[in-house]
Amino acid sequence: MAWKRLCGIFDLPVRGGRVFMDVADDLDLIIFRVEGGNVIAYDAACPHAGALLRPENEMGGVLVCYIHHWRFKVDTGECLDVPQCPLIRYPAQIKGFDVMVDPDNPLT
């Protein structure tokens, strides 16, 4: 795995997210700091039409695509509207005070 530092943990809102553009090979990631202080990383492109997912469109653990309103569970990436179209998840962790991701090895 090729871990890459994205930011410091305090650069992410508590129980919120942030988009990082061009993390690797035109890959945009959306990172969420979830309950318990863990981080979860997904490809920021909606699997339906490629629209950039925005963390401000998350409420109650559900992220909504602003184009066609597909809904995704933040903790799993599952699409509530079309279950066969989940978000692509990437390995993410907190190391010390750094948020680290492995953009070369998607998990799903």
Protein backbone atom coordinates (compact mmCIF):
# COMPACT_ATOMS: atom_id res chain seq x y z
CA MET A 1 0.00 0.00 0.00
CA ALA A 2 1.16 3.52 -0.82
CA TRP A 3 -0.21 5.68 1.96
CA LYS A 4 -0.50 9.40 1.28
CA ARG A 5 -1.09 12.21 3.78
CA LEU A 6 -4.16 14.29 2.95
CA CYS A 7 -4.40 16.65 5.89
CA GLY A 8 -4.28 16.90 9.65
CA ILE A 9 -7.15 15.40 11.62
CA PHE A 10 -8.14 18.85 12.86
CA ASP A 11 -8.61 19.97 9.23
CA LEU A 12 -11.68 17.72 9.04
CA PRO A 13 -14.89 18.79 10.73
CA VAL A 14 -16.07 16.57 13.58
CA ARG A 15 -18.75 14.24 12.14
CA GLY A 16 -18.35 15.94 8.76
CA GLY A 17 -16.45 15.70 5.52
CA ARG A 18 -14.22 17.40 3.01
CA VAL A 19 -13.38 16.90 -0.67
CA PHE A 20 -9.78 16.54 -1.85
CA MET A 21 -9.21 17.13 -5.55
CA ASP A 22 -6.68 15.27 -7.73
CA VAL A 23 -5.38 13.02 -4.97
CA ALA A 24 -3.96 10.65 -7.60
CA ASP A 25 -4.48 10.35 -11.37
CA ASP A 26 -7.50 12.70 -11.44
CA LEU A 27 -9.05 10.92 -8.45
CA ASP A 28 -11.10 13.18 -6.19
CA LEU A 29 -11.83 11.81 -2.72
CA ILE A 30 -14.49 12.72 -0.19
CA ILE A 31 -13.34 12.02 3.36
CA PHE A 32 -15.65 11.83 6.37
CA ARG A 33 -14.71 11.98 10.03
CA VAL A 34 -17.35 9.72 11.55
CA GLU A 35 -18.60 8.78 15.00
CA GLY A 36 -15.75 7.59 17.18
CA GLY A 37 -13.21 9.76 15.34
CA ASN A 38 -12.47 7.33 12.48
CA VAL A 39 -12.15 8.42 8.85
CA ILE A 40 -13.76 6.96 5.74
CA ALA A 41 -12.71 7.79 2.17
CA TYR A 42 -14.76 7.42 -1.03
CA ASP A 43 -14.34 8.35 -4.66
CA ALA A 44 -16.07 11.74 -4.77
CA ALA A 45 -17.73 11.00 -8.12
CA CYS A 46 -21.32 9.81 -7.90
CA PRO A 47 -21.48 6.36 -9.55
CA HIS A 48 -24.62 7.41 -11.44
CA ALA A 49 -23.48 10.40 -13.48
CA GLY A 50 -20.06 11.34 -12.10
CA ALA A 51 -21.22 14.48 -10.29
CA LEU A 52 -18.91 15.65 -7.52
CA LEU A 53 -20.37 14.59 -4.19
CA ARG A 54 -20.36 17.40 -1.63
CA PRO A 55 -20.01 16.95 2.12
CA GLU A 56 -22.52 19.74 2.79
CA ASN A 57 -25.17 17.44 1.25
CA GLU A 58 -24.79 14.96 4.14
CA MET A 59 -27.40 14.83 6.87
CA GLY A 60 -27.89 12.19 9.51
CA GLY A 61 -25.30 9.86 8.00
CA VAL A 62 -26.77 10.01 4.49
CA LEU A 63 -24.99 11.74 1.61
CA VAL A 64 -27.21 12.96 -1.23
CA CYS A 65 -26.01 13.62 -4.78
CA TYR A 66 -27.26 17.08 -5.75
CA ILE A 67 -27.89 16.11 -9.40
CA HIS A 68 -30.28 13.13 -9.26
CA HIS A 69 -30.65 12.81 -5.47
CA TRP A 70 -29.20 9.33 -5.07
CA ARG A 71 -28.63 8.67 -1.37
CA PHE A 72 -25.58 6.94 0.13
CA LYS A 73 -24.91 5.75 3.67
CA VAL A 74 -21.75 7.50 4.86
CA ASP A 75 -20.63 4.61 7.08
CA THR A 76 -20.83 1.93 4.35
CA GLY A 77 -21.07 3.68 0.96
CA GLU A 78 -24.24 1.72 0.21
CA CYS A 79 -26.61 3.39 -2.24
CA LEU A 80 -30.09 3.45 -0.72
CA ASP A 81 -31.75 3.98 -4.09
CA VAL A 82 -29.80 1.56 -6.29
CA PRO A 83 -28.00 -0.97 -4.04
CA GLN A 84 -25.87 -2.34 -6.89
CA CYS A 85 -24.19 1.12 -7.23
CA PRO A 86 -22.26 1.74 -4.00
CA LEU A 87 -19.58 4.37 -3.58
CA ILE A 88 -16.01 3.19 -4.20
CA ARG A 89 -14.20 3.14 -0.87
CA TYR A 90 -10.47 3.64 -0.30
CA PRO A 91 -8.33 2.66 2.68
CA ALA A 92 -8.11 5.53 5.17
CA GLN A 93 -6.66 5.87 8.64
CA ILE A 94 -5.46 8.33 11.22
CA LYS A 95 -1.77 8.08 12.00
CA GLY A 96 -0.76 10.40 14.81
CA PHE A 97 -2.57 13.59 13.82
CA ASP A 98 -2.47 12.90 10.07
CA VAL A 99 -5.27 11.64 7.83
CA MET A 100 -3.77 9.04 5.49
CA VAL A 101 -5.29 7.33 2.42
CA ASP A 102 -4.18 4.73 -0.08
CA PRO A 103 -5.54 6.07 -3.40
CA ASP A 104 -4.05 3.18 -5.41
CA ASN A 105 -6.04 0.34 -3.83
CA PRO A 106 -9.85 0.76 -3.81
CA LEU A 107 -11.65 -1.57 -1.41
CA THR A 108 -14.89 -1.89 -3.43
